Each structure stands twice: as structure tokens, then as C-alpha cells.
Amino acid sequence: MKKTFIAVLLLALLLPISLFAQGAKEAVVDESKPVTIQYWTHEDPARTQLETELIAKFMADNPNITVVRSTQASVKQIELVQTAFAANQGPDMFNLPIENQYAYITNGRVAPVDYQAAGYANKQDLLDKYMDGVLDTVTIDGEVYGLPLELTNWSIYLNKKVFRSAGLDPEKDYPKTWEEMADISEKLVIRDGDILIRRGYDFRYPYYLTFFVPMVEQLGGDLLSADGKKAIIGDEAWLKALTYMQQWGPSGRNLGSPTYKNARNLFNQDNNDIAMAHTGLYQQGRIEKDNPNFFNSGEWMVIPYPTFKDAVRDVAACYYGHFFMVNADSDPAVQKAAWKLSGYLLSHGEEYLTRGGNIIQPTKALFASDTLKNMPYSQVFIDDMARSHMIYYGENSAQIQTQIRNAVESVMLSGVSPEKALATLKASVQEIIDEQ
């Protein structure tokens, strides 16, 4: 990611902290003394069961190490970690979405990876184990600051029965372009007046950095300039994407809206109220748990993320990551133990995939494994990831996503013109960029 001058200056000011953390990592510590790792992570029942078992085995093999695993709902977890670090009482080891976690690197709050404690000979050995570029996100000044618990992208799940009920062949008629997505959704929707009883497809509101920015990129636009100093690049692309969303909404073709229940949360029930939903490989485990009859019916499939008919770039929805990170202020012995625990957990990639909620850890070994290849439609996700990129993860990502949300929802729900929404968006995001 390109950094602004201010960000570079901040990193320069924080360099002594990073060097101290690196020095602490290399210092000789007594690995036999009792230590306790406070490990904070987000709720996930399948992963909790797996990690509880793995941590029990880890502690049995390392009797001097006690691991206290604490979980919270994802949004609450973000707030708690932020509050704890502000009070200098952050957890020893934690994971968050990278767009919420990146600032902990730039602000010098997390330690670089202890390669040997995590089970790697050195940095190059670590890099060699992962898919190319995956660790670039958490690498600054040559040091890696996190290990990926999961890397997630979204493709489109499709209910074949709903397609057939509208006279469509799901294998042949599924949408390849956004224009087709709108036209096919028009054939699939069922309305009671203006109320949508069944939707063909609806977007993954409010994750606009994940799905909407790639739509703009398909048309030749960008969120930021290459040097990171100018916001909202390519007016024509942004206007076309905003116009598309305007026409999608209640005042246009009335195909969907942020006011309806998330399509992903409806899909599993197979209640004839949604035909297509945007979600990840993990959804398969949730379908199997929520509705095993539907899961085993062969009546669902996964299709690639569409592009615009006149797209100038082939870009799929952004992927995002959760990374294990270690508190730079924790005792050096605790840091070493935390990296040892991280490496141990991540050495069970196939179990995370099959038992931990279909979590993909982006190692070369997992991507080459039959376990991943044999999962239904896994190749769709792999191919979509290959034509994707990491979500924007700057310190200001949450603020920028809010401004994009305001722009999109203003044209969909408030009658604001795409031109006015674009002008407001450009000014607000530029102000955020200038202030960082």
C-alpha cells in the first residue's frame, strides 16, 4: 500500500519502538518459566471447539504456558481491543480484520514475528510457506508483524430451485455481468406492491470497501491515486457505479435495498425469498448446520463475482484477512510463547478448513491440498481470489467506508443524484486523506 508522507514520517518516529521489539524478540529469555497468554479473538462456535482442543494439547506439551482464550462478537471485539490498548492493557495475542488491525502496526503497538518461536527457520522460510503477496499487508520496513489466521473472499451463492421457478436454467443463465444481474433479478423478484417478497440478489451492505470499490475498479476508477494523496479517482467510473446502485434501489428498478434483511442470512433457509447471496466459503458449513437437507440436496451452487459488460479490469470482490498479532508491550517471554502458540495453531490448516468453520489459511500447502480442492465450488473462490486484491486497510479505512456508504445509500434511499453524491464523497474522503 502506498503511504502518505505523514504515514512515512510516523513510521520513522516509531522505528525505535520496532527496533526495541525486534531486540526483545532476539533477547535470550527463560522459556521454562511460567507464563500466561491472554488471547482475544472473535466468536465462532466451530473455531472455538477446534481451538479449545488445540490449545489443550498445546498446554499439555508446554506445561509452563497457560492460555486464556476470550471471545466477543466481531464488532465488540474491535472496540474492546482498541479500548484495552488505549489503556496500555491490550491482550498478549489477538486477531482483528486487517482494516481494523493495521493501525496497531503503524502505531508500534505490536511486535514483529518471532520466526523461530513460530516454527520457521527465518523470515524467508515463513514467506516461502505462504501464497505470494499475502504477507505484504503486514510487512513494514522488512519486518513481518502478523500471521494470517484466515483469508476470506466472497463469491455468489445461487439457489437453483428459485432459478427454475422463474423458467431459468441455473447452469446456463446465471449472471456473468452486472447488467445481467439486474435483468435476471427482475425476472426472479416477487413483489407485494412495492415490498420485495423475494429478491433475485442483493448486495452485502454495508461492506462497501469489499464489494462496491471493486465495481468501480472494473470501470477504471480507483479509491485513491497511486501515491495515496488524491481520493476518488475516475469520476465516470464512480458515477456509473453510483447510477447502477440508484437503479437497483427502491426508486429505480426496486430490486433490493439496505433496509431488507441481509441476503446471506436468508439463503440457508431455502424459503424462496432469495435466489443469490454474496458470501464466503465458510457459508457452506453454515448451510450444513442450519439446513442439512438443503446442503445435501444439490440445489445450490456458487458462481464467480460478476463484472460490468464494458469493464476495463477483471476485478472480483476484495478479500480480507484476520492476522494473529502479539502485543509489543507484553513480557518478552510472553511474546515468545504467543508466537509459539500462533505457529502451533496455524500448523493445523486443514483442520481449520474442515472443522473450524471452513477457514482458509493462505499457505501453499493448503491451496495445493486435496482437502481444499475437494470442497464444493472451492475453485470458484480460488479463481475469484486470484483476480482480487486485499481490501483497503489504511488507518482511516472505517471512516472512508462510512463515506462510501453515505454516498451509495443517499442515491438509493434519499433521492440524491449520483453527481451530487459523488461530489460530496470526493470532498469528504479527500478531507480524511489530508488529515492523516
Protein backbone atom coordinates (compact mmCIF):
# COMPACT_ATOMS: atom_id res chain seq x y z
CA MET A 1 0.00 0.00 0.00
CA LYS A 2 1.26 3.46 -0.83
CA LYS A 3 1.71 5.61 2.24
CA THR A 4 1.35 9.34 2.56
CA PHE A 5 4.23 11.48 3.72
CA ILE A 6 2.65 11.74 7.16
CA ALA A 7 2.36 7.98 7.46
CA VAL A 8 6.00 7.56 6.45
CA LEU A 9 7.02 10.19 8.98
CA LEU A 10 5.03 8.37 11.66
CA LEU A 11 6.79 5.13 10.85
CA ALA A 12 10.16 6.88 11.09
CA LEU A 13 9.24 8.22 14.52
CA LEU A 14 8.13 4.77 15.63
CA LEU A 15 11.21 2.99 14.31
CA PRO A 16 12.94 2.86 17.71
CA ILE A 17 9.87 1.05 19.08
CA SER A 18 10.09 -1.51 16.31
CA LEU A 19 13.79 -1.93 16.90
CA PHE A 20 13.19 -2.43 20.61
CA ALA A 21 10.56 -5.05 19.83
CA GLN A 22 12.94 -6.78 17.46
CA GLY A 23 15.64 -6.66 20.10
CA ALA A 24 13.28 -8.13 22.66
CA LYS A 25 12.43 -10.88 20.24
CA GLU A 26 16.09 -11.79 19.84
CA ALA A 27 16.92 -11.45 23.55
CA VAL A 28 17.53 -14.64 25.46
CA VAL A 29 14.53 -15.44 27.62
CA ASP A 30 13.87 -18.20 30.08
CA GLU A 31 11.37 -20.33 28.16
CA SER A 32 10.82 -22.62 31.13
CA LYS A 33 9.34 -20.01 33.47
CA PRO A 34 5.55 -19.98 33.88
CA VAL A 35 3.79 -17.53 31.57
CA THR A 36 0.17 -16.76 30.79
CA ILE A 37 -1.05 -15.71 27.33
CA GLN A 38 -4.20 -13.60 27.16
CA TYR A 39 -5.60 -14.48 23.72
CA TRP A 40 -8.57 -12.43 22.44
CA THR A 41 -10.50 -13.44 19.35
CA HIS A 42 -13.95 -13.08 17.76
CA GLU A 43 -16.79 -15.52 18.34
CA ASP A 44 -17.09 -18.50 16.02
CA PRO A 45 -18.58 -21.69 17.51
CA ALA A 46 -16.86 -24.09 15.11
CA ARG A 47 -13.46 -22.45 15.54
CA THR A 48 -13.95 -22.25 19.31
CA GLN A 49 -14.41 -26.01 19.55
CA LEU A 50 -11.33 -26.65 17.42
CA GLU A 51 -9.11 -24.10 19.15
CA THR A 52 -10.19 -25.30 22.59
CA GLU A 53 -8.93 -28.75 21.67
CA LEU A 54 -5.73 -27.47 20.08
CA ILE A 55 -4.93 -25.15 22.98
CA ALA A 56 -5.43 -28.00 25.45
CA LYS A 57 -2.89 -30.08 23.51
CA PHE A 58 -0.53 -27.10 23.29
CA MET A 59 -0.63 -26.54 27.05
CA ALA A 60 -0.09 -30.26 27.68
CA ASP A 61 3.04 -30.11 25.52
CA ASN A 62 4.12 -26.81 27.12
CA PRO A 63 3.19 -27.14 30.82
CA ASN A 64 4.75 -23.79 31.72
CA ILE A 65 2.37 -21.93 29.35
CA THR A 66 -1.22 -21.11 30.29
CA VAL A 67 -3.53 -19.80 27.57
CA VAL A 68 -6.64 -17.80 28.47
CA ARG A 69 -8.83 -17.58 25.38
CA SER A 70 -11.53 -14.85 25.44
CA THR A 71 -14.14 -14.24 22.75
CA GLN A 72 -16.54 -11.47 21.83
CA ALA A 73 -18.81 -10.68 18.90
CA SER A 74 -16.77 -9.30 15.99
CA VAL A 75 -17.81 -5.64 16.29
CA LYS A 76 -17.50 -5.67 20.08
CA GLN A 77 -14.08 -7.27 19.79
CA ILE A 78 -12.81 -4.38 17.67
CA GLU A 79 -13.96 -1.88 20.30
CA LEU A 80 -12.57 -3.85 23.25
CA VAL A 81 -9.12 -4.26 21.74
CA GLN A 82 -8.96 -0.57 20.91
CA THR A 83 -10.01 0.42 24.44
CA ALA A 84 -7.58 -2.01 26.04
CA PHE A 85 -4.59 -0.79 24.05
CA ALA A 86 -5.52 2.82 24.76
CA ALA A 87 -5.22 1.95 28.47
CA ASN A 88 -1.96 0.02 27.83
CA GLN A 89 -3.72 -3.18 28.85
CA GLY A 90 -4.01 -4.85 25.48
CA PRO A 91 -4.14 -8.65 25.12
CA ASP A 92 -0.91 -10.53 24.55
CA MET A 93 -2.24 -12.08 21.34
CA PHE A 94 -5.26 -11.10 19.25
CA ASN A 95 -6.75 -11.03 15.79
CA LEU A 96 -8.99 -8.50 14.02
CA PRO A 97 -9.91 -7.76 10.40
CA ILE A 98 -6.82 -6.21 8.85
CA GLU A 99 -8.58 -2.92 8.11
CA ASN A 100 -9.07 -2.57 11.87
CA GLN A 101 -5.71 -4.09 12.80
CA TYR A 102 -3.27 -2.28 10.52
CA ALA A 103 -3.08 0.79 12.76
CA TYR A 104 -1.60 -1.34 15.55
CA ILE A 105 1.40 -1.92 13.29
CA THR A 106 1.84 1.68 12.20
CA ASN A 107 1.48 2.90 15.77
CA GLY A 108 4.14 0.50 17.05
CA ARG A 109 1.82 -1.45 19.32
CA VAL A 110 2.58 -4.96 18.03
CA ALA A 111 5.80 -6.95 17.87
CA PRO A 112 7.38 -8.37 14.72
CA VAL A 113 7.05 -12.11 14.24
CA ASP A 114 9.49 -14.25 16.17
CA TYR A 115 10.14 -16.60 13.27
CA GLN A 116 11.84 -19.39 15.17
CA ALA A 117 9.33 -19.36 18.04
CA ALA A 118 6.53 -19.62 15.44
CA GLY A 119 8.22 -22.64 13.90
CA TYR A 120 10.10 -21.12 10.94
CA ALA A 121 13.83 -21.13 10.32
CA ASN A 122 13.81 -17.46 9.36
CA LYS A 123 11.77 -14.82 7.54
CA GLN A 124 12.36 -16.36 4.12
CA ASP A 125 11.17 -19.72 5.37
CA LEU A 126 7.95 -18.04 6.53
CA LEU A 127 7.46 -16.27 3.19
CA ASP A 128 8.07 -19.49 1.30
CA LYS A 129 5.23 -21.21 3.16
CA TYR A 130 2.54 -18.67 2.17
CA MET A 131 0.94 -17.69 -1.11
CA ASP A 132 2.81 -14.89 -2.83
CA GLY A 133 2.00 -11.41 -1.56
CA VAL A 134 -0.21 -12.49 1.35
CA LEU A 135 2.17 -11.17 3.99
CA ASP A 136 2.85 -7.86 2.19
CA THR A 137 -0.11 -6.42 4.09
CA VAL A 138 1.62 -6.88 7.46
CA THR A 139 5.19 -6.19 6.35
CA ILE A 140 6.78 -2.82 7.12
CA ASP A 141 10.45 -1.93 6.81
CA GLY A 142 11.27 -5.55 6.08
CA GLU A 143 9.64 -6.95 9.22
CA VAL A 144 6.51 -9.12 9.27
CA TYR A 145 4.07 -8.21 12.05
CA GLY A 146 1.32 -10.82 11.75
CA LEU A 147 0.44 -14.38 10.77
CA PRO A 148 -2.83 -14.95 8.88
CA LEU A 149 -5.48 -16.82 10.82
CA GLU A 150 -7.76 -16.61 7.79
CA LEU A 151 -8.03 -15.00 4.39
CA THR A 152 -11.59 -14.64 3.15
CA ASN A 153 -13.20 -13.71 -0.14
CA TRP A 154 -16.82 -13.77 -1.26
CA SER A 155 -18.42 -15.23 -4.37
CA ILE A 156 -22.11 -15.62 -5.26
CA TYR A 157 -24.23 -18.48 -3.88
CA LEU A 158 -27.20 -19.42 -6.08
CA ASN A 159 -30.40 -21.35 -5.28
CA LYS A 160 -31.15 -23.50 -8.31
CA LYS A 161 -34.80 -24.09 -7.39
CA VAL A 162 -35.56 -20.37 -7.37
CA PHE A 163 -33.98 -20.01 -10.81
CA ARG A 164 -36.00 -22.88 -12.23
CA SER A 165 -39.22 -21.47 -10.73
CA ALA A 166 -38.73 -18.43 -12.97
CA GLY A 167 -38.03 -20.55 -16.05
CA LEU A 168 -34.25 -20.06 -15.85
CA ASP A 169 -31.54 -22.69 -16.19
CA PRO A 170 -29.15 -22.03 -13.29
CA GLU A 171 -26.23 -23.72 -15.04
CA LYS A 172 -26.57 -21.60 -18.18
CA ASP A 173 -28.48 -18.46 -17.20
CA TYR A 174 -26.57 -17.35 -14.12
CA PRO A 175 -25.38 -13.72 -14.37
CA LYS A 176 -21.89 -13.06 -15.70
CA THR A 177 -22.22 -9.25 -15.79
CA TRP A 178 -23.81 -6.68 -13.50
CA GLU A 179 -26.19 -5.81 -16.30
CA GLU A 180 -27.31 -9.43 -16.43
CA MET A 181 -27.54 -9.49 -12.63
CA ALA A 182 -30.13 -6.71 -12.74
CA ASP A 183 -32.09 -8.20 -15.65
CA ILE A 184 -32.15 -11.69 -14.13
CA SER A 185 -33.09 -10.33 -10.72
CA GLU A 186 -36.02 -8.58 -12.40
CA LYS A 187 -37.25 -11.99 -13.55
CA LEU A 188 -36.75 -13.51 -10.10
CA VAL A 189 -38.29 -10.91 -7.81
CA ILE A 190 -41.74 -11.31 -6.30
CA ARG A 191 -43.37 -8.12 -5.00
CA ASP A 192 -46.35 -7.27 -2.85
CA GLY A 193 -46.90 -3.74 -4.07
CA ASP A 194 -43.50 -2.12 -3.57
CA ILE A 195 -42.40 -4.66 -0.95
CA LEU A 196 -40.00 -7.34 -2.12
CA ILE A 197 -41.21 -10.76 -1.03
CA ARG A 198 -38.46 -12.49 -3.00
CA ARG A 199 -35.24 -10.92 -4.22
CA GLY A 200 -33.09 -12.23 -7.02
CA TYR A 201 -29.88 -10.89 -5.49
CA ASP A 202 -28.92 -8.19 -3.08
CA PHE A 203 -25.63 -6.65 -2.08
CA ARG A 204 -23.64 -7.26 1.08
CA TYR A 205 -24.48 -3.99 2.78
CA PRO A 206 -22.67 -2.21 4.46
CA TYR A 207 -19.31 -3.69 3.33
CA TYR A 208 -18.75 -1.18 0.56
CA LEU A 209 -14.96 -1.46 0.55
CA THR A 210 -15.37 -5.17 -0.15
CA PHE A 211 -17.94 -5.18 -2.96
CA PHE A 212 -18.51 -1.62 -4.25
CA VAL A 213 -14.94 -0.38 -4.70
CA PRO A 214 -14.15 -3.40 -6.97
CA MET A 215 -17.20 -2.48 -9.08
CA VAL A 216 -15.69 0.99 -9.53
CA GLU A 217 -12.30 -0.55 -10.30
CA GLN A 218 -13.86 -2.71 -13.01
CA LEU A 219 -14.89 0.52 -14.74
CA GLY A 220 -11.40 2.06 -14.46
CA GLY A 221 -11.79 4.07 -11.27
CA ASP A 222 -9.88 3.86 -8.01
CA LEU A 223 -10.37 4.71 -4.38
CA LEU A 224 -7.04 6.55 -4.16
CA SER A 225 -4.31 7.68 -6.52
CA ALA A 226 -1.12 5.62 -6.73
CA ASP A 227 0.65 7.91 -4.26
CA GLY A 228 -2.29 7.86 -1.86
CA LYS A 229 -2.68 11.64 -1.93
CA LYS A 230 -5.80 12.04 -4.06
CA ALA A 231 -9.17 10.49 -3.33
CA ILE A 232 -11.90 9.07 -5.62
CA ILE A 233 -10.17 8.67 -8.96
CA GLY A 234 -12.13 8.44 -12.22
CA ASP A 235 -15.39 10.37 -12.00
CA GLU A 236 -17.00 8.48 -14.87
CA ALA A 237 -16.44 5.12 -13.20
CA TRP A 238 -17.79 6.29 -9.84
CA LEU A 239 -20.82 7.92 -11.49
CA LYS A 240 -21.67 4.77 -13.41
CA ALA A 241 -21.36 2.59 -10.31
CA LEU A 242 -23.46 5.01 -8.23
CA THR A 243 -26.07 5.17 -11.00
CA TYR A 244 -26.21 1.39 -11.05
CA MET A 245 -26.92 1.33 -7.32
CA GLN A 246 -29.53 4.08 -7.72
CA GLN A 247 -31.34 1.98 -10.33
CA TRP A 248 -31.05 -1.11 -8.15
CA GLY A 249 -32.81 0.56 -5.25
CA PRO A 250 -36.47 1.32 -4.40
CA SER A 251 -36.66 4.45 -6.55
CA GLY A 252 -35.23 2.62 -9.58
CA ARG A 253 -35.95 -0.97 -10.60
CA ASN A 254 -36.67 -1.88 -6.95
CA LEU A 255 -34.51 -5.00 -6.87
CA GLY A 256 -33.11 -4.63 -3.36
CA SER A 257 -32.17 -2.25 -0.58
CA PRO A 258 -30.06 -1.93 2.58
CA THR A 259 -33.35 -1.85 4.50
CA TYR A 260 -34.01 -5.57 3.90
CA LYS A 261 -32.54 -8.43 5.90
CA ASN A 262 -29.07 -9.45 4.77
CA ALA A 263 -29.42 -11.89 1.87
CA ARG A 264 -26.69 -14.13 3.32
CA ASN A 265 -28.75 -14.65 6.47
CA LEU A 266 -31.75 -15.78 4.42
CA PHE A 267 -30.04 -18.05 1.92
CA ASN A 268 -29.53 -21.06 4.19
CA GLN A 269 -33.22 -21.42 4.99
CA ASP A 270 -34.25 -22.07 1.37
CA ASN A 271 -37.56 -20.25 1.91
CA ASN A 272 -37.99 -18.92 -1.65
CA ASP A 273 -37.14 -15.38 -0.52
CA ILE A 274 -33.64 -15.02 -2.03
CA ALA A 275 -32.06 -16.52 -5.13
CA MET A 276 -28.45 -15.33 -4.79
CA ALA A 277 -26.29 -14.14 -1.90
CA HIS A 278 -22.76 -12.77 -1.67
CA THR A 279 -20.70 -14.65 0.93
CA GLY A 280 -17.63 -16.79 1.58
CA LEU A 281 -16.58 -20.42 1.51
CA TYR A 282 -17.44 -20.51 5.22
CA GLN A 283 -21.12 -20.28 4.27
CA GLN A 284 -21.08 -23.95 3.31
CA GLY A 285 -20.53 -25.03 6.90
CA ARG A 286 -23.35 -22.75 7.99
CA ILE A 287 -25.73 -24.15 5.37
CA GLU A 288 -24.89 -27.68 6.51
CA LYS A 289 -25.55 -26.75 10.15
CA ASP A 290 -28.69 -24.66 9.57
CA ASN A 291 -30.32 -26.74 6.86
CA PRO A 292 -28.64 -30.09 6.17
CA ASN A 293 -31.39 -31.14 3.76
CA PHE A 294 -30.71 -28.12 1.57
CA PHE A 295 -26.94 -28.59 1.89
CA ASN A 296 -27.19 -32.18 0.65
CA SER A 297 -29.86 -31.51 -1.98
CA GLY A 298 -27.57 -30.39 -4.81
CA GLU A 299 -29.90 -27.41 -5.22
CA TRP A 300 -27.28 -24.73 -4.65
CA MET A 301 -24.13 -23.67 -6.47
CA VAL A 302 -21.50 -20.93 -6.40
CA ILE A 303 -20.75 -18.58 -9.30
CA PRO A 304 -17.99 -16.01 -9.86
CA TYR A 305 -18.26 -12.35 -8.94
CA PRO A 306 -19.72 -10.50 -11.97
CA THR A 307 -18.11 -7.69 -13.93
CA PHE A 308 -19.68 -4.86 -15.91
CA LYS A 309 -20.24 -5.55 -19.59
CA ASP A 310 -17.77 -2.84 -20.58
CA ALA A 311 -15.31 -3.47 -17.73
CA VAL A 312 -11.73 -2.42 -18.37
CA ARG A 313 -10.41 -4.51 -15.45
CA ASP A 314 -11.32 -8.02 -14.35
CA VAL A 315 -11.63 -7.45 -10.60
CA ALA A 316 -13.50 -9.64 -8.12
CA ALA A 317 -14.68 -8.65 -4.65
CA CYS A 318 -11.86 -7.76 -2.28
CA TYR A 319 -10.57 -10.35 0.14
CA TYR A 320 -9.83 -9.54 3.76
CA GLY A 321 -7.75 -11.14 6.46
CA HIS A 322 -7.56 -11.71 10.18
CA PHE A 323 -3.99 -11.86 11.47
CA PHE A 324 -2.55 -13.14 14.72
CA MET A 325 -0.59 -10.29 16.28
CA VAL A 326 1.37 -10.03 19.53
CA ASN A 327 1.45 -7.07 21.91
CA ALA A 328 4.84 -5.32 21.82
CA ASP A 329 4.44 -4.33 25.49
CA SER A 330 4.00 -7.90 26.72
CA ASP A 331 6.86 -9.51 28.59
CA PRO A 332 9.44 -10.93 26.12
CA ALA A 333 8.81 -14.46 27.44
CA VAL A 334 5.07 -14.00 26.87
CA GLN A 335 5.71 -12.68 23.36
CA LYS A 336 7.80 -15.73 22.53
CA ALA A 337 5.14 -18.05 23.95
CA ALA A 338 2.42 -16.23 22.00
CA TRP A 339 4.27 -16.63 18.70
CA LYS A 340 4.84 -20.28 19.56
CA LEU A 341 1.08 -20.68 20.11
CA SER A 342 0.32 -18.83 16.85
CA GLY A 343 2.60 -21.09 14.88
CA TYR A 344 1.14 -24.18 16.51
CA LEU A 345 -2.45 -23.20 15.71
CA LEU A 346 -1.56 -22.31 12.14
CA SER A 347 0.12 -25.66 11.60
CA HIS A 348 -3.38 -27.20 11.55
CA GLY A 349 -4.64 -25.50 8.39
CA GLU A 350 -6.64 -28.44 7.07
CA GLU A 351 -8.43 -28.82 10.40
CA TYR A 352 -9.37 -25.13 10.37
CA LEU A 353 -10.79 -25.70 6.89
CA THR A 354 -12.78 -28.84 7.71
CA ARG A 355 -13.65 -28.28 11.39
CA GLY A 356 -13.05 -24.61 12.10
CA GLY A 357 -15.79 -23.05 10.01
CA ASN A 358 -14.26 -23.52 6.54
CA ILE A 359 -11.47 -21.06 7.34
CA ILE A 360 -8.86 -20.70 4.60
CA GLN A 361 -5.32 -20.14 5.79
CA PRO A 362 -3.41 -18.98 2.69
CA THR A 363 -0.50 -21.41 2.80
CA LYS A 364 0.84 -23.01 -0.34
CA ALA A 365 0.31 -26.41 1.28
CA LEU A 366 -3.40 -25.79 1.87
CA PHE A 367 -4.00 -24.35 -1.60
CA ALA A 368 -2.36 -27.45 -3.09
CA SER A 369 -4.25 -29.86 -0.85
CA ASP A 370 -6.99 -32.22 -1.94
CA THR A 371 -8.90 -31.14 1.17
CA LEU A 372 -9.43 -27.65 -0.27
CA LYS A 373 -9.78 -28.78 -3.87
CA ASN A 374 -12.48 -31.29 -2.96
CA MET A 375 -14.68 -28.79 -1.16
CA PRO A 376 -17.76 -27.87 -3.24
CA TYR A 377 -17.04 -24.94 -5.56
CA SER A 378 -13.74 -24.16 -3.86
CA GLN A 379 -12.20 -23.50 -7.27
CA VAL A 380 -14.63 -20.62 -7.79
CA PHE A 381 -13.31 -18.97 -4.64
CA ILE A 382 -9.69 -19.69 -5.57
CA ASP A 383 -10.18 -18.22 -9.04
CA ASP A 384 -12.01 -15.17 -7.70
CA MET A 385 -9.22 -14.59 -5.17
CA ALA A 386 -6.68 -14.71 -8.00
CA ARG A 387 -8.42 -11.78 -9.70
CA SER A 388 -8.88 -9.86 -6.48
CA HIS A 389 -6.80 -7.89 -4.01
CA MET A 390 -6.73 -7.11 -0.31
CA ILE A 391 -9.37 -4.72 0.97
CA TYR A 392 -8.21 -1.14 1.61
CA TYR A 393 -6.69 -1.34 5.08
CA GLY A 394 -5.34 2.12 5.92
CA GLU A 395 -5.80 3.57 9.38
CA ASN A 396 -8.72 5.57 8.02
CA SER A 397 -10.49 2.67 6.29
CA ALA A 398 -13.51 2.72 8.60
CA GLN A 399 -14.03 6.44 8.02
CA ILE A 400 -13.74 6.05 4.26
CA GLN A 401 -16.14 3.12 4.18
CA THR A 402 -18.68 5.24 6.07
CA GLN A 403 -18.43 7.96 3.43
CA ILE A 404 -18.92 5.46 0.61
CA ARG A 405 -21.90 4.06 2.47
CA ASN A 406 -23.37 7.55 2.77
CA ALA A 407 -22.93 8.13 -0.97
CA VAL A 408 -24.43 4.83 -2.09
CA GLU A 409 -27.34 4.88 0.31
CA SER A 410 -28.12 8.52 -0.45
CA VAL A 411 -28.71 7.70 -4.13
CA MET A 412 -30.60 4.52 -3.28
CA LEU A 413 -32.82 5.79 -0.46
CA SER A 414 -32.81 9.59 -0.33
CA GLY A 415 -33.20 10.69 -3.93
CA VAL A 416 -29.76 12.31 -4.14
CA SER A 417 -28.37 12.47 -7.67
CA PRO A 418 -25.22 10.42 -8.42
CA GLU A 419 -23.46 13.66 -9.40
CA LYS A 420 -24.17 15.32 -6.06
CA ALA A 421 -23.35 12.15 -4.13
CA LEU A 422 -20.03 11.89 -5.96
CA ALA A 423 -19.10 15.50 -5.23
CA THR A 424 -19.83 15.02 -1.53
CA LEU A 425 -17.95 11.71 -1.45
CA LYS A 426 -14.89 13.10 -3.16
CA ALA A 427 -14.69 16.08 -0.82
CA SER A 428 -15.23 14.05 2.35
CA VAL A 429 -12.71 11.31 1.51
CA GLN A 430 -10.13 13.87 0.39
CA GLU A 431 -10.51 15.59 3.75
CA ILE A 432 -9.92 12.29 5.53
CA ILE A 433 -6.82 11.60 3.42
CA ASP A 434 -5.44 15.10 4.01
CA GLU A 435 -5.83 14.77 7.77
CA GLN A 436 -3.92 11.50 8.16
